[in-house]
Every structure is written in structure tokens, then in C-alpha cells.
Amino acid sequence: MIAKSSNADIHIEGPKLIIDHDGGADDAMAIFMALIYEQYFNGPKVIGLTTTHGNVDETQSFYNSQRFLSIEAVTSH
């Protein structure tokens, strides 16, 4: 897969994962588990998150996604 960036083309080797979620707590756990599996067990590379309504409305789902990612960024360093 070739992912476009503002600076250059990036080639990502191996299996890739896009997670579609509705921003609920169960999805937060699934996202964290996927990121942990990727980091510590050579699991598929999480390359994207998509959001939709479900447990919460679409706007709240977006904000929850940002929270998930900010928590992951802090804990992965």
C-alpha cells in the first residue's frame, strides 16, 4: 500500500488495519488492543480510524477518537 503524505510517498509493509467504530467505550478498548498488538506482538499496522454514529452521535464519536489517540500517544512514549 502506498500512503500519500505531504512530503513523500510512504510504503507500509505487511498487514494493515482500518478500524471503523462508533466512539463507544467498547471501541476504545478494541483500538487500544489493536495498537498494543501492533506495537508488542508484530500485529497489523493500524493505518486509519473511521467514525460513525452508534453508541454516541457522529460528532461525539469524532471527539472520542481524538481522545483515544491522544491517550495512546502519551502512553506509547
PDB file of N, CA and C in Angstrom:
ATOM      1  N   MET A   1       0.837  -1.176   0.000  1.00  0.00           N
ATOM      2  CA  MET A   1       0.000   0.000   0.000  1.00  0.00           C
ATOM      3  C   MET A   1       0.879   1.235   0.000  1.00  0.00           C
ATOM      4  N   ILE A   2       0.509   2.207  -0.775  1.00  0.00           N
ATOM      5  CA  ILE A   2       1.203   3.484  -0.798  1.00  0.00           C
ATOM      6  C   ILE A   2       0.286   4.518  -0.152  1.00  0.00           C
ATOM      7  N   ALA A   3       0.766   5.136   0.923  1.00  0.00           N
ATOM      8  CA  ALA A   3       0.010   6.188   1.591  1.00  0.00           C
ATOM      9  C   ALA A   3       0.598   7.529   1.176  1.00  0.00           C
ATOM     10  N   LYS A   4      -0.236   8.457   0.803  1.00  0.00           N
ATOM     11  CA  LYS A   4       0.230   9.785   0.397  1.00  0.00           C
ATOM     12  C   LYS A   4       0.441  10.659   1.627  1.00  0.00           C
ATOM     13  N   SER A   5       1.542  11.353   1.645  1.00  0.00           N
ATOM     14  CA  SER A   5       1.784  12.344   2.679  1.00  0.00           C
ATOM     15  C   SER A   5       2.176  13.645   2.002  1.00  0.00           C
ATOM     16  N   SER A   6       2.270  14.684   2.769  1.00  0.00           N
ATOM     17  CA  SER A   6       2.610  15.978   2.187  1.00  0.00           C
ATOM     18  C   SER A   6       4.063  16.025   1.722  1.00  0.00           C
ATOM     19  N   ASN A   7       4.922  15.173   2.277  1.00  0.00           N
ATOM     20  CA  ASN A   7       6.344  15.223   1.954  1.00  0.00           C
ATOM     21  C   ASN A   7       6.782  14.167   0.946  1.00  0.00           C
ATOM     22  N   ALA A   8       6.273  12.949   1.059  1.00  0.00           N
ATOM     23  CA  ALA A   8       6.746  11.872   0.198  1.00  0.00           C
ATOM     24  C   ALA A   8       5.777  10.702   0.251  1.00  0.00           C
ATOM     25  N   ASP A   9       5.959   9.777  -0.684  1.00  0.00           N
ATOM     26  CA  ASP A   9       5.189   8.534  -0.647  1.00  0.00           C
ATOM     27  C   ASP A   9       5.780   7.622   0.427  1.00  0.00           C
ATOM     28  N   ILE A  10       4.912   6.951   1.164  1.00  0.00           N
ATOM     29  CA  ILE A  10       5.347   6.068   2.234  1.00  0.00           C
ATOM     30  C   ILE A  10       4.821   4.674   1.920  1.00  0.00           C
ATOM     31  N   HIS A  11       5.708   3.701   1.902  1.00  0.00           N
ATOM     32  CA  HIS A  11       5.310   2.313   1.666  1.00  0.00           C
ATOM     33  C   HIS A  11       5.230   1.599   3.007  1.00  0.00           C
ATOM     34  N   ILE A  12       4.082   1.008   3.307  1.00  0.00           N
ATOM     35  CA  ILE A  12       3.878   0.305   4.568  1.00  0.00           C
ATOM     36  C   ILE A  12       3.857  -1.182   4.274  1.00  0.00           C
ATOM     37  N   GLU A  13       4.815  -1.915   4.828  1.00  0.00           N
ATOM     38  CA  GLU A  13       4.917  -3.356   4.632  1.00  0.00           C
ATOM     39  C   GLU A  13       3.954  -4.103   5.552  1.00  0.00           C
ATOM     40  N   GLY A  14       3.542  -5.281   5.128  1.00  0.00           N
ATOM     41  CA  GLY A  14       2.776  -6.179   5.973  1.00  0.00           C
ATOM     42  C   GLY A  14       1.295  -5.867   6.037  1.00  0.00           C
ATOM     43  N   PRO A  15       0.592  -6.624   6.875  1.00  0.00           N
ATOM     44  CA  PRO A  15      -0.855  -6.438   7.020  1.00  0.00           C
ATOM     45  C   PRO A  15      -1.190  -5.067   7.589  1.00  0.00           C
ATOM     46  N   LYS A  16      -2.306  -4.534   7.131  1.00  0.00           N
ATOM     47  CA  LYS A  16      -2.770  -3.229   7.577  1.00  0.00           C
ATOM     48  C   LYS A  16      -4.195  -3.351   8.122  1.00  0.00           C
ATOM     49  N   LEU A  17      -4.565  -2.423   8.979  1.00  0.00           N
ATOM     50  CA  LEU A  17      -5.873  -2.478   9.619  1.00  0.00           C
ATOM     51  C   LEU A  17      -6.482  -1.087   9.650  1.00  0.00           C
ATOM     52  N   ILE A  18      -7.726  -0.982   9.221  1.00  0.00           N
ATOM     53  CA  ILE A  18      -8.522   0.231   9.365  1.00  0.00           C
ATOM     54  C   ILE A  18      -9.678  -0.134  10.287  1.00  0.00           C
ATOM     55  N   ILE A  19      -9.849   0.629  11.348  1.00  0.00           N
ATOM     56  CA  ILE A  19     -10.886   0.338  12.337  1.00  0.00           C
ATOM     57  C   ILE A  19     -12.044   1.313  12.154  1.00  0.00           C
ATOM     58  N   ASP A  20     -13.230   0.782  11.899  1.00  0.00           N
ATOM     59  CA  ASP A  20     -14.457   1.573  11.808  1.00  0.00           C
ATOM     60  C   ASP A  20     -15.167   1.439  13.145  1.00  0.00           C
ATOM     61  N   HIS A  21     -15.461   2.545  13.793  1.00  0.00           N
ATOM     62  CA  HIS A  21     -16.043   2.462  15.135  1.00  0.00           C
ATOM     63  C   HIS A  21     -17.046   3.589  15.365  1.00  0.00           C
ATOM     64  N   ASP A  22     -17.793   3.450  16.476  1.00  0.00           N
ATOM     65  CA  ASP A  22     -18.815   4.448  16.796  1.00  0.00           C
ATOM     66  C   ASP A  22     -18.475   5.273  18.034  1.00  0.00           C
ATOM     67  N   GLY A  23     -17.245   5.195  18.498  1.00  0.00           N
ATOM     68  CA  GLY A  23     -16.808   6.065  19.587  1.00  0.00           C
ATOM     69  C   GLY A  23     -17.181   5.625  20.983  1.00  0.00           C
ATOM     70  N   GLY A  24     -17.692   4.422  21.123  1.00  0.00           N
ATOM     71  CA  GLY A  24     -18.076   3.931  22.439  1.00  0.00           C
ATOM     72  C   GLY A  24     -16.891   3.366  23.206  1.00  0.00           C
ATOM     73  N   ALA A  25     -17.110   3.075  24.476  1.00  0.00           N
ATOM     74  CA  ALA A  25     -16.044   2.546  25.333  1.00  0.00           C
ATOM     75  C   ALA A  25     -15.540   1.198  24.835  1.00  0.00           C
ATOM     76  N   ASP A  26     -16.442   0.364  24.308  1.00  0.00           N
ATOM     77  CA  ASP A  26     -16.013  -0.935  23.777  1.00  0.00           C
ATOM     78  C   ASP A  26     -15.068  -0.754  22.594  1.00  0.00           C
ATOM     79  N   ASP A  27     -15.323   0.248  21.781  1.00  0.00           N
ATOM     80  CA  ASP A  27     -14.446   0.528  20.643  1.00  0.00           C
ATOM     81  C   ASP A  27     -13.099   1.067  21.107  1.00  0.00           C
ATOM     82  N   ALA A  28     -13.101   1.866  22.176  1.00  0.00           N
ATOM     83  CA  ALA A  28     -11.837   2.371  22.716  1.00  0.00           C
ATOM     84  C   ALA A  28     -10.948   1.201  23.120  1.00  0.00           C
ATOM     85  N   MET A  29     -11.533   0.220  23.775  1.00  0.00           N
ATOM     86  CA  MET A  29     -10.755  -0.960  24.167  1.00  0.00           C
ATOM     87  C   MET A  29     -10.233  -1.708  22.949  1.00  0.00           C
ATOM     88  N   ALA A  30     -11.056  -1.855  21.930  1.00  0.00           N
ATOM     89  CA  ALA A  30     -10.628  -2.551  20.714  1.00  0.00           C
ATOM     90  C   ALA A  30      -9.477  -1.802  20.035  1.00  0.00           C
ATOM     91  N   ILE A  31      -9.565  -0.477  19.999  1.00  0.00           N
ATOM     92  CA  ILE A  31      -8.499   0.331  19.389  1.00  0.00           C
ATOM     93  C   ILE A  31      -7.217   0.187  20.190  1.00  0.00           C
ATOM     94  N   PHE A  32      -7.299   0.312  21.510  1.00  0.00           N
ATOM     95  CA  PHE A  32      -6.110   0.158  22.344  1.00  0.00           C
ATOM     96  C   PHE A  32      -5.500  -1.237  22.182  1.00  0.00           C
ATOM     97  N   MET A  33      -6.345  -2.271  22.142  1.00  0.00           N
ATOM     98  CA  MET A  33      -5.835  -3.631  21.970  1.00  0.00           C
ATOM     99  C   MET A  33      -5.141  -3.793  20.620  1.00  0.00           C
ATOM    100  N   ALA A  34      -5.710  -3.213  19.566  1.00  0.00           N
ATOM    101  CA  ALA A  34      -5.085  -3.301  18.243  1.00  0.00           C
ATOM    102  C   ALA A  34      -3.735  -2.594  18.235  1.00  0.00           C
ATOM    103  N   LEU A  35      -3.653  -1.438  18.881  1.00  0.00           N
ATOM    104  CA  LEU A  35      -2.392  -0.690  18.926  1.00  0.00           C
ATOM    105  C   LEU A  35      -1.341  -1.418  19.762  1.00  0.00           C
ATOM    106  N   ILE A  36      -1.770  -2.020  20.858  1.00  0.00           N
ATOM    107  CA  ILE A  36      -0.835  -2.807  21.676  1.00  0.00           C
ATOM    108  C   ILE A  36      -0.357  -4.032  20.899  1.00  0.00           C
ATOM    109  N   TYR A  37      -1.278  -4.713  20.223  1.00  0.00           N
ATOM    110  CA  TYR A  37      -0.921  -5.894  19.434  1.00  0.00           C
ATOM    111  C   TYR A  37       0.069  -5.520  18.336  1.00  0.00           C
ATOM    112  N   GLU A  38      -0.154  -4.368  17.710  1.00  0.00           N
ATOM    113  CA  GLU A  38       0.766  -3.885  16.672  1.00  0.00           C
ATOM    114  C   GLU A  38       2.151  -3.617  17.263  1.00  0.00           C
ATOM    115  N   GLN A  39       2.194  -2.920  18.380  1.00  0.00           N
ATOM    116  CA  GLN A  39       3.464  -2.478  18.947  1.00  0.00           C
ATOM    117  C   GLN A  39       4.276  -3.622  19.564  1.00  0.00           C
ATOM    118  N   TYR A  40       3.631  -4.513  20.312  1.00  0.00           N
ATOM    119  CA  TYR A  40       4.368  -5.505  21.078  1.00  0.00           C
ATOM    120  C   TYR A  40       4.366  -6.907  20.480  1.00  0.00           C
ATOM    121  N   PHE A  41       3.458  -7.201  19.566  1.00  0.00           N
ATOM    122  CA  PHE A  41       3.341  -8.559  19.050  1.00  0.00           C
ATOM    123  C   PHE A  41       3.407  -8.622  17.531  1.00  0.00           C
ATOM    124  N   ASN A  42       3.921  -7.555  16.901  1.00  0.00           N
ATOM    125  CA  ASN A  42       4.081  -7.515  15.449  1.00  0.00           C
ATOM    126  C   ASN A  42       2.759  -7.748  14.721  1.00  0.00           C
ATOM    127  N   GLY A  43       1.699  -7.168  15.257  1.00  0.00           N
ATOM    128  CA  GLY A  43       0.377  -7.295  14.646  1.00  0.00           C
ATOM    129  C   GLY A  43       0.218  -6.357  13.462  1.00  0.00           C
ATOM    130  N   PRO A  44      -0.954  -6.374  12.839  1.00  0.00           N
ATOM    131  CA  PRO A  44      -1.194  -5.498  11.688  1.00  0.00           C
ATOM    132  C   PRO A  44      -0.997  -4.032  12.057  1.00  0.00           C
ATOM    133  N   LYS A  45      -0.524  -3.254  11.111  1.00  0.00           N
ATOM    134  CA  LYS A  45      -0.313  -1.814  11.296  1.00  0.00           C
ATOM    135  C   LYS A  45      -1.660  -1.108  11.220  1.00  0.00           C
ATOM    136  N   VAL A  46      -2.030  -0.395  12.275  1.00  0.00           N
ATOM    137  CA  VAL A  46      -3.268   0.392  12.272  1.00  0.00           C
ATOM    138  C   VAL A  46      -2.979   1.648  11.452  1.00  0.00           C
ATOM    139  N   ILE A  47      -3.630   1.748  10.294  1.00  0.00           N
ATOM    140  CA  ILE A  47      -3.359   2.874   9.402  1.00  0.00           C
ATOM    141  C   ILE A  47      -4.501   3.886   9.366  1.00  0.00           C
ATOM    142  N   GLY A  48      -5.628   3.565   9.991  1.00  0.00           N
ATOM    143  CA  GLY A  48      -6.721   4.524   9.966  1.00  0.00           C
ATOM    144  C   GLY A  48      -7.852   4.174  10.902  1.00  0.00           C
ATOM    145  N   LEU A  49      -8.571   5.206  11.294  1.00  0.00           N
ATOM    146  CA  LEU A  49      -9.813   5.066  12.052  1.00  0.00           C
ATOM    147  C   LEU A  49     -10.897   5.791  11.280  1.00  0.00           C
ATOM    148  N   THR A  50     -12.052   5.197  11.184  1.00  0.00           N
ATOM    149  CA  THR A  50     -13.217   5.885  10.638  1.00  0.00           C
ATOM    150  C   THR A  50     -14.280   5.904  11.722  1.00  0.00           C
ATOM    151  N   THR A  51     -15.133   6.908  11.688  1.00  0.00           N
ATOM    152  CA  THR A  51     -16.153   7.039  12.732  1.00  0.00           C
ATOM    153  C   THR A  51     -17.544   7.107  12.116  1.00  0.00           C
ATOM    154  N   THR A  52     -18.495   6.653  12.899  1.00  0.00           N
ATOM    155  CA  THR A  52     -19.900   6.721  12.538  1.00  0.00           C
ATOM    156  C   THR A  52     -20.708   6.853  13.829  1.00  0.00           C
ATOM    157  N   HIS A  53     -21.992   7.067  13.711  1.00  0.00           N
ATOM    158  CA  HIS A  53     -22.829   7.142  14.910  1.00  0.00           C
ATOM    159  C   HIS A  53     -23.167   5.735  15.372  1.00  0.00           C
ATOM    160  N   GLY A  54     -23.552   5.599  16.610  1.00  0.00           N
ATOM    161  CA  GLY A  54     -23.896   4.298  17.191  1.00  0.00           C
ATOM    162  C   GLY A  54     -24.157   4.501  18.662  1.00  0.00           C
ATOM    163  N   ASN A  55     -23.160   4.144  19.497  1.00  0.00           N
ATOM    164  CA  ASN A  55     -23.291   4.381  20.936  1.00  0.00           C
ATOM    165  C   ASN A  55     -23.412   5.869  21.238  1.00  0.00           C
ATOM    166  N   VAL A  56     -22.769   6.689  20.422  1.00  0.00           N
ATOM    167  CA  VAL A  56     -22.844   8.151  20.561  1.00  0.00           C
ATOM    168  C   VAL A  56     -23.082   8.737  19.174  1.00  0.00           C
ATOM    169  N   ASP A  57     -23.439  10.040  19.101  1.00  0.00           N
ATOM    170  CA  ASP A  57     -23.650  10.641  17.788  1.00  0.00           C
ATOM    171  C   ASP A  57     -22.308  10.844  17.076  1.00  0.00           C
ATOM    172  N   GLU A  58     -22.367  11.188  15.808  1.00  0.00           N
ATOM    173  CA  GLU A  58     -21.168  11.245  14.980  1.00  0.00           C
ATOM    174  C   GLU A  58     -20.151  12.288  15.472  1.00  0.00           C
ATOM    175  N   THR A  59     -20.621  13.434  15.921  1.00  0.00           N
ATOM    176  CA  THR A  59     -19.709  14.465  16.429  1.00  0.00           C
ATOM    177  C   THR A  59     -18.987  13.974  17.666  1.00  0.00           C
ATOM    178  N   GLN A  60     -19.719  13.373  18.600  1.00  0.00           N
ATOM    179  CA  GLN A  60     -19.090  12.851  19.822  1.00  0.00           C
ATOM    180  C   GLN A  60     -18.140  11.710  19.486  1.00  0.00           C
ATOM    181  N   SER A  61     -18.492  10.914  18.499  1.00  0.00           N
ATOM    182  CA  SER A  61     -17.615   9.829  18.055  1.00  0.00           C
ATOM    183  C   SER A  61     -16.274  10.377  17.580  1.00  0.00           C
ATOM    184  N   PHE A  62     -16.298  11.480  16.823  1.00  0.00           N
ATOM    185  CA  PHE A  62     -15.066  12.119  16.359  1.00  0.00           C
ATOM    186  C   PHE A  62     -14.231  12.584  17.547  1.00  0.00           C
ATOM    187  N   TYR A  63     -14.860  13.282  18.496  1.00  0.00           N
ATOM    188  CA  TYR A  63     -14.126  13.778  19.662  1.00  0.00           C
ATOM    189  C   TYR A  63     -13.558  12.628  20.487  1.00  0.00           C
ATOM    190  N   ASN A  64     -14.322  11.552  20.642  1.00  0.00           N
ATOM    191  CA  ASN A  64     -13.826  10.387  21.372  1.00  0.00           C
ATOM    192  C   ASN A  64     -12.616   9.784  20.668  1.00  0.00           C
ATOM    193  N   SER A  65     -12.637   9.748  19.341  1.00  0.00           N
ATOM    194  CA  SER A  65     -11.488   9.235  18.584  1.00  0.00           C
ATOM    195  C   SER A  65     -10.249  10.053  18.883  1.00  0.00           C
ATOM    196  N   GLN A  66     -10.397  11.362  18.927  1.00  0.00           N
ATOM    197  CA  GLN A  66      -9.260  12.221  19.241  1.00  0.00           C
ATOM    198  C   GLN A  66      -8.736  11.934  20.641  1.00  0.00           C
ATOM    199  N   ARG A  67      -9.630  11.686  21.572  1.00  0.00           N
ATOM    200  CA  ARG A  67      -9.207  11.342  22.939  1.00  0.00           C
ATOM    201  C   ARG A  67      -8.453  10.016  22.956  1.00  0.00           C
ATOM    202  N   PHE A  68      -8.985   9.006  22.238  1.00  0.00           N
ATOM    203  CA  PHE A  68      -8.317   7.700  22.183  1.00  0.00           C
ATOM    204  C   PHE A  68      -6.891   7.876  21.693  1.00  0.00           C
ATOM    205  N   LEU A  69      -6.741   8.634  20.613  1.00  0.00           N
ATOM    206  CA  LEU A  69      -5.425   8.799  20.003  1.00  0.00           C
ATOM    207  C   LEU A  69      -4.483   9.625  20.876  1.00  0.00           C
ATOM    208  N   SER A  70      -5.009  10.626  21.573  1.00  0.00           N
ATOM    209  CA  SER A  70      -4.138  11.422  22.445  1.00  0.00           C
ATOM    210  C   SER A  70      -3.678  10.598  23.648  1.00  0.00           C
ATOM    211  N   ILE A  71      -4.536   9.750  24.173  1.00  0.00           N
ATOM    212  CA  ILE A  71      -4.148   8.869  25.284  1.00  0.00           C
ATOM    213  C   ILE A  71      -3.097   7.878  24.800  1.00  0.00           C
ATOM    214  N   GLU A  72      -3.305   7.305  23.627  1.00  0.00           N
ATOM    215  CA  GLU A  72      -2.349   6.339  23.078  1.00  0.00           C
ATOM    216  C   GLU A  72      -1.012   7.003  22.841  1.00  0.00           C
ATOM    217  N   ALA A  73      -0.997   8.231  22.337  1.00  0.00           N
ATOM    218  CA  ALA A  73       0.257   8.941  22.063  1.00  0.00           C
ATOM    219  C   ALA A  73       1.035   9.175  23.346  1.00  0.00           C
ATOM    220  N   VAL A  74       0.348   9.493  24.428  1.00  0.00           N
ATOM    221  CA  VAL A  74       1.012   9.738  25.707  1.00  0.00           C
ATOM    222  C   VAL A  74       1.554   8.437  26.287  1.00  0.00           C
ATOM    223  N   THR A  75       0.795   7.357  26.208  1.00  0.00           N
ATOM    224  CA  THR A  75       1.193   6.099  26.822  1.00  0.00           C
ATOM    225  C   THR A  75       2.212   5.319  25.999  1.00  0.00           C
ATOM    226  N   SER A  76       2.368   5.640  24.723  1.00  0.00           N
ATOM    227  CA  SER A  76       3.305   4.873  23.895  1.00  0.00           C
ATOM    228  C   SER A  76       4.726   5.400  23.973  1.00  0.00           C
ATOM    229  N   HIS A  77       4.964   6.486  24.686  1.00  0.00           N
ATOM    230  CA  HIS A  77       6.313   7.041  24.779  1.00  0.00           C
ATOM    231  C   HIS A  77       6.985   6.702  26.075  1.00  0.00           C
TER     232      HIS A  77
END
